[in-house]
Amino acid sequence: MAKNEKTSNHIASKASSVLRSPNSSKSAKSIAGSALAQTGTGKTTSSKIATTASKALDSNRTGKTNKAIAGSVLTQKPGKRS
């Protein structure tokens, strides 16, 4: 179960920049969109977006900004954490 996590204003600002950038990948924009949708709401991350965010965190090609957004999105995934 999610711990009532919400996207911070700092991460929301980064996510907004990713969405506005024409150079951002489709997966980066998906993750950023999910983060923005969860700003100030009780919404949680879907399994599909969690998988995408996990792959982004594992990738050497993902930048620091996108990794921060992906990490935020993953903390909002309901269910067990190990």
PDB file of N, CA and C in Angstrom:
ATOM      1  N   MET A   1       0.839  -1.188   0.000  1.00  0.00           N
ATOM      2  CA  MET A   1       0.000   0.000   0.000  1.00  0.00           C
ATOM      3  C   MET A   1       0.876   1.240   0.000  1.00  0.00           C
ATOM      4  N   ALA A   2       0.521   2.212  -0.783  1.00  0.00           N
ATOM      5  CA  ALA A   2       1.269   3.463  -0.851  1.00  0.00           C
ATOM      6  C   ALA A   2       1.166   4.191   0.485  1.00  0.00           C
ATOM      7  N   LYS A   3       2.200   4.927   0.818  1.00  0.00           N
ATOM      8  CA  LYS A   3       2.251   5.629   2.091  1.00  0.00           C
ATOM      9  C   LYS A   3       1.761   7.058   1.950  1.00  0.00           C
ATOM     10  N   ASN A   4       0.773   7.285   1.108  1.00  0.00           N
ATOM     11  CA  ASN A   4       0.234   8.624   0.918  1.00  0.00           C
ATOM     12  C   ASN A   4       1.279   9.579   0.343  1.00  0.00           C
ATOM     13  N   GLU A   5       2.154   9.068  -0.498  1.00  0.00           N
ATOM     14  CA  GLU A   5       3.192   9.872  -1.121  1.00  0.00           C
ATOM     15  C   GLU A   5       2.591  10.747  -2.212  1.00  0.00           C
ATOM     16  N   LYS A   6       3.187  11.910  -2.401  1.00  0.00           N
ATOM     17  CA  LYS A   6       2.783  12.820  -3.462  1.00  0.00           C
ATOM     18  C   LYS A   6       4.039  13.365  -4.123  1.00  0.00           C
ATOM     19  N   THR A   7       3.925  13.737  -5.381  1.00  0.00           N
ATOM     20  CA  THR A   7       5.049  14.327  -6.096  1.00  0.00           C
ATOM     21  C   THR A   7       5.333  15.718  -5.526  1.00  0.00           C
ATOM     22  N   SER A   8       6.599  15.968  -5.204  1.00  0.00           N
ATOM     23  CA  SER A   8       6.977  17.277  -4.656  1.00  0.00           C
ATOM     24  C   SER A   8       6.933  18.344  -5.750  1.00  0.00           C
ATOM     25  N   ASN A   9       6.905  19.577  -5.333  1.00  0.00           N
ATOM     26  CA  ASN A   9       6.907  20.689  -6.299  1.00  0.00           C
ATOM     27  C   ASN A   9       8.198  20.695  -7.109  1.00  0.00           C
ATOM     28  N   HIS A  10       9.301  20.326  -6.493  1.00  0.00           N
ATOM     29  CA  HIS A  10      10.596  20.289  -7.172  1.00  0.00           C
ATOM     30  C   HIS A  10      10.576  19.262  -8.307  1.00  0.00           C
ATOM     31  N   ILE A  11      10.078  18.068  -8.036  1.00  0.00           N
ATOM     32  CA  ILE A  11      10.000  17.022  -9.054  1.00  0.00           C
ATOM     33  C   ILE A  11       8.955  17.392 -10.100  1.00  0.00           C
ATOM     34  N   ALA A  12       7.853  17.995  -9.686  1.00  0.00           N
ATOM     35  CA  ALA A  12       6.818  18.417 -10.638  1.00  0.00           C
ATOM     36  C   ALA A  12       7.382  19.437 -11.625  1.00  0.00           C
ATOM     37  N   SER A  13       8.228  20.327 -11.147  1.00  0.00           N
ATOM     38  CA  SER A  13       8.849  21.319 -12.022  1.00  0.00           C
ATOM     39  C   SER A  13       9.764  20.639 -13.045  1.00  0.00           C
ATOM     40  N   LYS A  14      10.546  19.661 -12.585  1.00  0.00           N
ATOM     41  CA  LYS A  14      11.418  18.910 -13.496  1.00  0.00           C
ATOM     42  C   LYS A  14      10.580  18.136 -14.517  1.00  0.00           C
ATOM     43  N   ALA A  15       9.489  17.532 -14.064  1.00  0.00           N
ATOM     44  CA  ALA A  15       8.620  16.764 -14.957  1.00  0.00           C
ATOM     45  C   ALA A  15       8.005  17.670 -16.015  1.00  0.00           C
ATOM     46  N   SER A  16       7.627  18.869 -15.627  1.00  0.00           N
ATOM     47  CA  SER A  16       7.073  19.833 -16.573  1.00  0.00           C
ATOM     48  C   SER A  16       8.093  20.184 -17.651  1.00  0.00           C
ATOM     49  N   SER A  17       9.336  20.341 -17.245  1.00  0.00           N
ATOM     50  CA  SER A  17      10.403  20.650 -18.212  1.00  0.00           C
ATOM     51  C   SER A  17      10.608  19.505 -19.193  1.00  0.00           C
ATOM     52  N   VAL A  18      10.541  18.283 -18.695  1.00  0.00           N
ATOM     53  CA  VAL A  18      10.695  17.110 -19.564  1.00  0.00           C
ATOM     54  C   VAL A  18       9.558  17.064 -20.581  1.00  0.00           C
ATOM     55  N   LEU A  19       8.348  17.321 -20.150  1.00  0.00           N
ATOM     56  CA  LEU A  19       7.202  17.280 -21.057  1.00  0.00           C
ATOM     57  C   LEU A  19       7.272  18.371 -22.125  1.00  0.00           C
ATOM     58  N   ARG A  20       7.831  19.528 -21.781  1.00  0.00           N
ATOM     59  CA  ARG A  20       7.926  20.624 -22.736  1.00  0.00           C
ATOM     60  C   ARG A  20       9.089  20.484 -23.707  1.00  0.00           C
ATOM     61  N   SER A  21      10.052  19.642 -23.371  1.00  0.00           N
ATOM     62  CA  SER A  21      11.241  19.502 -24.204  1.00  0.00           C
ATOM     63  C   SER A  21      10.970  18.632 -25.432  1.00  0.00           C
ATOM     64  N   PRO A  22      11.313  19.127 -26.613  1.00  0.00           N
ATOM     65  CA  PRO A  22      11.126  18.315 -27.821  1.00  0.00           C
ATOM     66  C   PRO A  22      12.159  17.178 -27.913  1.00  0.00           C
ATOM     67  N   ASN A  23      13.190  17.253 -27.095  1.00  0.00           N
ATOM     68  CA  ASN A  23      14.245  16.235 -27.120  1.00  0.00           C
ATOM     69  C   ASN A  23      14.002  15.078 -26.159  1.00  0.00           C
ATOM     70  N   SER A  24      12.971  15.156 -25.335  1.00  0.00           N
ATOM     71  CA  SER A  24      12.684  14.092 -24.377  1.00  0.00           C
ATOM     72  C   SER A  24      12.105  12.877 -25.079  1.00  0.00           C
ATOM     73  N   SER A  25      12.501  11.699 -24.605  1.00  0.00           N
ATOM     74  CA  SER A  25      11.998  10.454 -25.182  1.00  0.00           C
ATOM     75  C   SER A  25      10.544  10.214 -24.780  1.00  0.00           C
ATOM     76  N   LYS A  26       9.926   9.296 -25.486  1.00  0.00           N
ATOM     77  CA  LYS A  26       8.538   8.943 -25.199  1.00  0.00           C
ATOM     78  C   LYS A  26       8.404   8.376 -23.783  1.00  0.00           C
ATOM     79  N   SER A  27       9.342   7.528 -23.384  1.00  0.00           N
ATOM     80  CA  SER A  27       9.258   6.935 -22.045  1.00  0.00           C
ATOM     81  C   SER A  27       9.491   7.997 -20.969  1.00  0.00           C
ATOM     82  N   ALA A  28      10.405   8.937 -21.206  1.00  0.00           N
ATOM     83  CA  ALA A  28      10.640  10.013 -20.240  1.00  0.00           C
ATOM     84  C   ALA A  28       9.389  10.863 -20.069  1.00  0.00           C
ATOM     85  N   LYS A  29       8.713  11.125 -21.177  1.00  0.00           N
ATOM     86  CA  LYS A  29       7.479  11.915 -21.111  1.00  0.00           C
ATOM     87  C   LYS A  29       6.359  11.150 -20.402  1.00  0.00           C
ATOM     88  N   SER A  30       6.299   9.840 -20.577  1.00  0.00           N
ATOM     89  CA  SER A  30       5.292   9.025 -19.885  1.00  0.00           C
ATOM     90  C   SER A  30       5.497   9.075 -18.377  1.00  0.00           C
ATOM     91  N   ILE A  31       6.758   8.928 -17.977  1.00  0.00           N
ATOM     92  CA  ILE A  31       7.079   8.973 -16.555  1.00  0.00           C
ATOM     93  C   ILE A  31       6.791  10.360 -15.985  1.00  0.00           C
ATOM     94  N   ALA A  32       7.178  11.391 -16.712  1.00  0.00           N
ATOM     95  CA  ALA A  32       6.947  12.766 -16.261  1.00  0.00           C
ATOM     96  C   ALA A  32       5.451  13.063 -16.156  1.00  0.00           C
ATOM     97  N   GLY A  33       4.689  12.584 -17.116  1.00  0.00           N
ATOM     98  CA  GLY A  33       3.237  12.777 -17.074  1.00  0.00           C
ATOM     99  C   GLY A  33       2.614  12.113 -15.868  1.00  0.00           C
ATOM    100  N   SER A  34       3.091  10.928 -15.542  1.00  0.00           N
ATOM    101  CA  SER A  34       2.595  10.225 -14.366  1.00  0.00           C
ATOM    102  C   SER A  34       2.924  11.007 -13.097  1.00  0.00           C
ATOM    103  N   ALA A  35       4.154  11.518 -13.023  1.00  0.00           N
ATOM    104  CA  ALA A  35       4.555  12.297 -11.855  1.00  0.00           C
ATOM    105  C   ALA A  35       3.671  13.534 -11.694  1.00  0.00           C
ATOM    106  N   LEU A  36       3.404  14.226 -12.788  1.00  0.00           N
ATOM    107  CA  LEU A  36       2.551  15.425 -12.711  1.00  0.00           C
ATOM    108  C   LEU A  36       1.115  15.073 -12.335  1.00  0.00           C
ATOM    109  N   ALA A  37       0.626  13.959 -12.826  1.00  0.00           N
ATOM    110  CA  ALA A  37      -0.743  13.542 -12.501  1.00  0.00           C
ATOM    111  C   ALA A  37      -0.886  13.235 -11.011  1.00  0.00           C
ATOM    112  N   GLN A  38       0.214  12.904 -10.364  1.00  0.00           N
ATOM    113  CA  GLN A  38       0.185  12.540  -8.948  1.00  0.00           C
ATOM    114  C   GLN A  38       0.518  13.706  -8.027  1.00  0.00           C
ATOM    115  N   THR A  39       0.752  14.870  -8.591  1.00  0.00           N
ATOM    116  CA  THR A  39       1.070  16.049  -7.786  1.00  0.00           C
ATOM    117  C   THR A  39      -0.173  16.517  -7.046  1.00  0.00           C
ATOM    118  N   GLY A  40      -0.094  16.507  -5.738  1.00  0.00           N
ATOM    119  CA  GLY A  40      -1.198  16.996  -4.918  1.00  0.00           C
ATOM    120  C   GLY A  40      -2.448  16.141  -4.950  1.00  0.00           C
ATOM    121  N   THR A  41      -2.323  14.896  -5.383  1.00  0.00           N
ATOM    122  CA  THR A  41      -3.488  14.012  -5.424  1.00  0.00           C
ATOM    123  C   THR A  41      -3.163  12.697  -4.725  1.00  0.00           C
ATOM    124  N   GLY A  42      -4.135  11.858  -4.625  1.00  0.00           N
ATOM    125  CA  GLY A  42      -3.944  10.534  -4.044  1.00  0.00           C
ATOM    126  C   GLY A  42      -3.723   9.470  -5.095  1.00  0.00           C
ATOM    127  N   LYS A  43      -3.505   9.892  -6.342  1.00  0.00           N
ATOM    128  CA  LYS A  43      -3.299   8.920  -7.411  1.00  0.00           C
ATOM    129  C   LYS A  43      -2.004   8.157  -7.195  1.00  0.00           C
ATOM    130  N   THR A  44      -1.948   6.921  -7.715  1.00  0.00           N
ATOM    131  CA  THR A  44      -0.753   6.105  -7.587  1.00  0.00           C
ATOM    132  C   THR A  44      -0.250   5.679  -8.963  1.00  0.00           C
ATOM    133  N   THR A  45       0.944   5.139  -8.980  1.00  0.00           N
ATOM    134  CA  THR A  45       1.596   4.733 -10.217  1.00  0.00           C
ATOM    135  C   THR A  45       1.058   3.399 -10.707  1.00  0.00           C
ATOM    136  N   SER A  46       0.785   3.312 -11.998  1.00  0.00           N
ATOM    137  CA  SER A  46       0.328   2.057 -12.590  1.00  0.00           C
ATOM    138  C   SER A  46       1.510   1.103 -12.743  1.00  0.00           C
ATOM    139  N   SER A  47       1.214  -0.168 -12.927  1.00  0.00           N
ATOM    140  CA  SER A  47       2.270  -1.164 -13.120  1.00  0.00           C
ATOM    141  C   SER A  47       3.074  -0.885 -14.378  1.00  0.00           C
ATOM    142  N   LYS A  48       2.402  -0.441 -15.430  1.00  0.00           N
ATOM    143  CA  LYS A  48       3.086  -0.158 -16.695  1.00  0.00           C
ATOM    144  C   LYS A  48       4.104   0.969 -16.531  1.00  0.00           C
ATOM    145  N   ILE A  49       3.706   2.043 -15.883  1.00  0.00           N
ATOM    146  CA  ILE A  49       4.614   3.174 -15.675  1.00  0.00           C
ATOM    147  C   ILE A  49       5.714   2.789 -14.692  1.00  0.00           C
ATOM    148  N   ALA A  50       5.391   1.977 -13.698  1.00  0.00           N
ATOM    149  CA  ALA A  50       6.413   1.527 -12.744  1.00  0.00           C
ATOM    150  C   ALA A  50       7.493   0.723 -13.455  1.00  0.00           C
ATOM    151  N   THR A  51       7.095  -0.108 -14.400  1.00  0.00           N
ATOM    152  CA  THR A  51       8.066  -0.887 -15.168  1.00  0.00           C
ATOM    153  C   THR A  51       8.939   0.035 -16.001  1.00  0.00           C
ATOM    154  N   THR A  52       8.332   1.010 -16.644  1.00  0.00           N
ATOM    155  CA  THR A  52       9.081   1.979 -17.452  1.00  0.00           C
ATOM    156  C   THR A  52      10.056   2.770 -16.578  1.00  0.00           C
ATOM    157  N   ALA A  53       9.599   3.199 -15.410  1.00  0.00           N
ATOM    158  CA  ALA A  53      10.453   3.959 -14.498  1.00  0.00           C
ATOM    159  C   ALA A  53      11.608   3.097 -13.993  1.00  0.00           C
ATOM    160  N   SER A  54      11.343   1.847 -13.713  1.00  0.00           N
ATOM    161  CA  SER A  54      12.390   0.935 -13.257  1.00  0.00           C
ATOM    162  C   SER A  54      13.468   0.756 -14.321  1.00  0.00           C
ATOM    163  N   LYS A  55      13.040   0.595 -15.564  1.00  0.00           N
ATOM    164  CA  LYS A  55      13.995   0.461 -16.667  1.00  0.00           C
ATOM    165  C   LYS A  55      14.814   1.740 -16.830  1.00  0.00           C
ATOM    166  N   ALA A  56      14.175   2.890 -16.635  1.00  0.00           N
ATOM    167  CA  ALA A  56      14.891   4.167 -16.742  1.00  0.00           C
ATOM    168  C   ALA A  56      15.958   4.274 -15.661  1.00  0.00           C
ATOM    169  N   LEU A  57      15.642   3.820 -14.457  1.00  0.00           N
ATOM    170  CA  LEU A  57      16.619   3.866 -13.374  1.00  0.00           C
ATOM    171  C   LEU A  57      17.797   2.932 -13.629  1.00  0.00           C
ATOM    172  N   ASP A  58      17.538   1.817 -14.281  1.00  0.00           N
ATOM    173  CA  ASP A  58      18.591   0.835 -14.571  1.00  0.00           C
ATOM    174  C   ASP A  58      19.465   1.233 -15.761  1.00  0.00           C
ATOM    175  N   SER A  59      18.983   2.116 -16.591  1.00  0.00           N
ATOM    176  CA  SER A  59      19.690   2.482 -17.819  1.00  0.00           C
ATOM    177  C   SER A  59      20.832   3.465 -17.561  1.00  0.00           C
ATOM    178  N   ASN A  60      21.942   3.234 -18.214  1.00  0.00           N
ATOM    179  CA  ASN A  60      23.072   4.163 -18.132  1.00  0.00           C
ATOM    180  C   ASN A  60      22.830   5.404 -18.979  1.00  0.00           C
ATOM    181  N   ARG A  61      21.870   5.340 -19.868  1.00  0.00           N
ATOM    182  CA  ARG A  61      21.585   6.458 -20.771  1.00  0.00           C
ATOM    183  C   ARG A  61      20.620   7.476 -20.168  1.00  0.00           C
ATOM    184  N   THR A  62      20.002   7.144 -19.048  1.00  0.00           N
ATOM    185  CA  THR A  62      19.041   8.038 -18.416  1.00  0.00           C
ATOM    186  C   THR A  62      19.777   9.094 -17.597  1.00  0.00           C
ATOM    187  N   GLY A  63      19.396  10.352 -17.796  1.00  0.00           N
ATOM    188  CA  GLY A  63      20.024  11.460 -17.072  1.00  0.00           C
ATOM    189  C   GLY A  63      19.530  11.582 -15.640  1.00  0.00           C
ATOM    190  N   LYS A  64      20.209  12.425 -14.869  1.00  0.00           N
ATOM    191  CA  LYS A  64      19.882  12.603 -13.454  1.00  0.00           C
ATOM    192  C   LYS A  64      18.455  13.111 -13.248  1.00  0.00           C
ATOM    193  N   THR A  65      18.023  14.023 -14.084  1.00  0.00           N
ATOM    194  CA  THR A  65      16.679  14.576 -13.935  1.00  0.00           C
ATOM    195  C   THR A  65      15.624  13.492 -14.128  1.00  0.00           C
ATOM    196  N   ASN A  66      15.770  12.716 -15.199  1.00  0.00           N
ATOM    197  CA  ASN A  66      14.794  11.659 -15.458  1.00  0.00           C
ATOM    198  C   ASN A  66      14.846  10.572 -14.400  1.00  0.00           C
ATOM    199  N   LYS A  67      16.022  10.298 -13.850  1.00  0.00           N
ATOM    200  CA  LYS A  67      16.127   9.304 -12.777  1.00  0.00           C
ATOM    201  C   LYS A  67      15.432   9.803 -11.505  1.00  0.00           C
ATOM    202  N   ALA A  68      15.541  11.088 -11.229  1.00  0.00           N
ATOM    203  CA  ALA A  68      14.862  11.656 -10.060  1.00  0.00           C
ATOM    204  C   ALA A  68      13.348  11.539 -10.207  1.00  0.00           C
ATOM    205  N   ILE A  69      12.857  11.834 -11.392  1.00  0.00           N
ATOM    206  CA  ILE A  69      11.416  11.727 -11.655  1.00  0.00           C
ATOM    207  C   ILE A  69      10.975  10.269 -11.554  1.00  0.00           C
ATOM    208  N   ALA A  70      11.759   9.369 -12.145  1.00  0.00           N
ATOM    209  CA  ALA A  70      11.424   7.935 -12.100  1.00  0.00           C
ATOM    210  C   ALA A  70      11.397   7.429 -10.665  1.00  0.00           C
ATOM    211  N   GLY A  71      12.348   7.861  -9.862  1.00  0.00           N
ATOM    212  CA  GLY A  71      12.377   7.451  -8.457  1.00  0.00           C
ATOM    213  C   GLY A  71      11.156   7.933  -7.700  1.00  0.00           C
ATOM    214  N   SER A  72      10.745   9.158  -7.977  1.00  0.00           N
ATOM    215  CA  SER A  72       9.549   9.700  -7.337  1.00  0.00           C
ATOM    216  C   SER A  72       8.308   8.901  -7.718  1.00  0.00           C
ATOM    217  N   VAL A  73       8.214   8.573  -8.989  1.00  0.00           N
ATOM    218  CA  VAL A  73       7.064   7.807  -9.474  1.00  0.00           C
ATOM    219  C   VAL A  73       7.030   6.425  -8.815  1.00  0.00           C
ATOM    220  N   LEU A  74       8.195   5.805  -8.682  1.00  0.00           N
ATOM    221  CA  LEU A  74       8.235   4.467  -8.081  1.00  0.00           C
ATOM    222  C   LEU A  74       7.869   4.469  -6.598  1.00  0.00           C
ATOM    223  N   THR A  75       8.168   5.550  -5.895  1.00  0.00           N
ATOM    224  CA  THR A  75       7.791   5.598  -4.474  1.00  0.00           C
ATOM    225  C   THR A  75       6.283   5.674  -4.296  1.00  0.00           C
ATOM    226  N   GLN A  76       5.583   6.025  -5.357  1.00  0.00           N
ATOM    227  CA  GLN A  76       4.125   6.143  -5.297  1.00  0.00           C
ATOM    228  C   GLN A  76       3.401   4.907  -5.829  1.00  0.00           C
ATOM    229  N   LYS A  77       4.152   3.843  -6.070  1.00  0.00           N
ATOM    230  CA  LYS A  77       3.565   2.584  -6.542  1.00  0.00           C
ATOM    231  C   LYS A  77       3.030   1.821  -5.340  1.00  0.00           C
ATOM    232  N   PRO A  78       1.742   1.474  -5.352  1.00  0.00           N
ATOM    233  CA  PRO A  78       1.200   0.702  -4.228  1.00  0.00           C
ATOM    234  C   PRO A  78       1.735  -0.730  -4.242  1.00  0.00           C
ATOM    235  N   GLY A  79       1.738  -1.336  -3.103  1.00  0.00           N
ATOM    236  CA  GLY A  79       2.164  -2.729  -3.007  1.00  0.00           C
ATOM    237  C   GLY A  79       3.394  -2.879  -2.150  1.00  0.00           C
ATOM    238  N   LYS A  80       3.914  -4.101  -2.124  1.00  0.00           N
ATOM    239  CA  LYS A  80       5.075  -4.415  -1.289  1.00  0.00           C
ATOM    240  C   LYS A  80       6.324  -3.769  -1.843  1.00  0.00           C
ATOM    241  N   ARG A  81       7.193  -3.364  -0.930  1.00  0.00           N
ATOM    242  CA  ARG A  81       8.528  -2.892  -1.292  1.00  0.00           C
ATOM    243  C   ARG A  81       9.519  -3.769  -0.571  1.00  0.00           C
ATOM    244  N   SER A  82      10.530  -4.226  -1.285  1.00  0.00           N
ATOM    245  CA  SER A  82      11.531  -5.049  -0.603  1.00  0.00           C
ATOM    246  C   SER A  82      12.904  -4.461  -0.727  1.00  0.00           C
TER     247      SER A  82
END
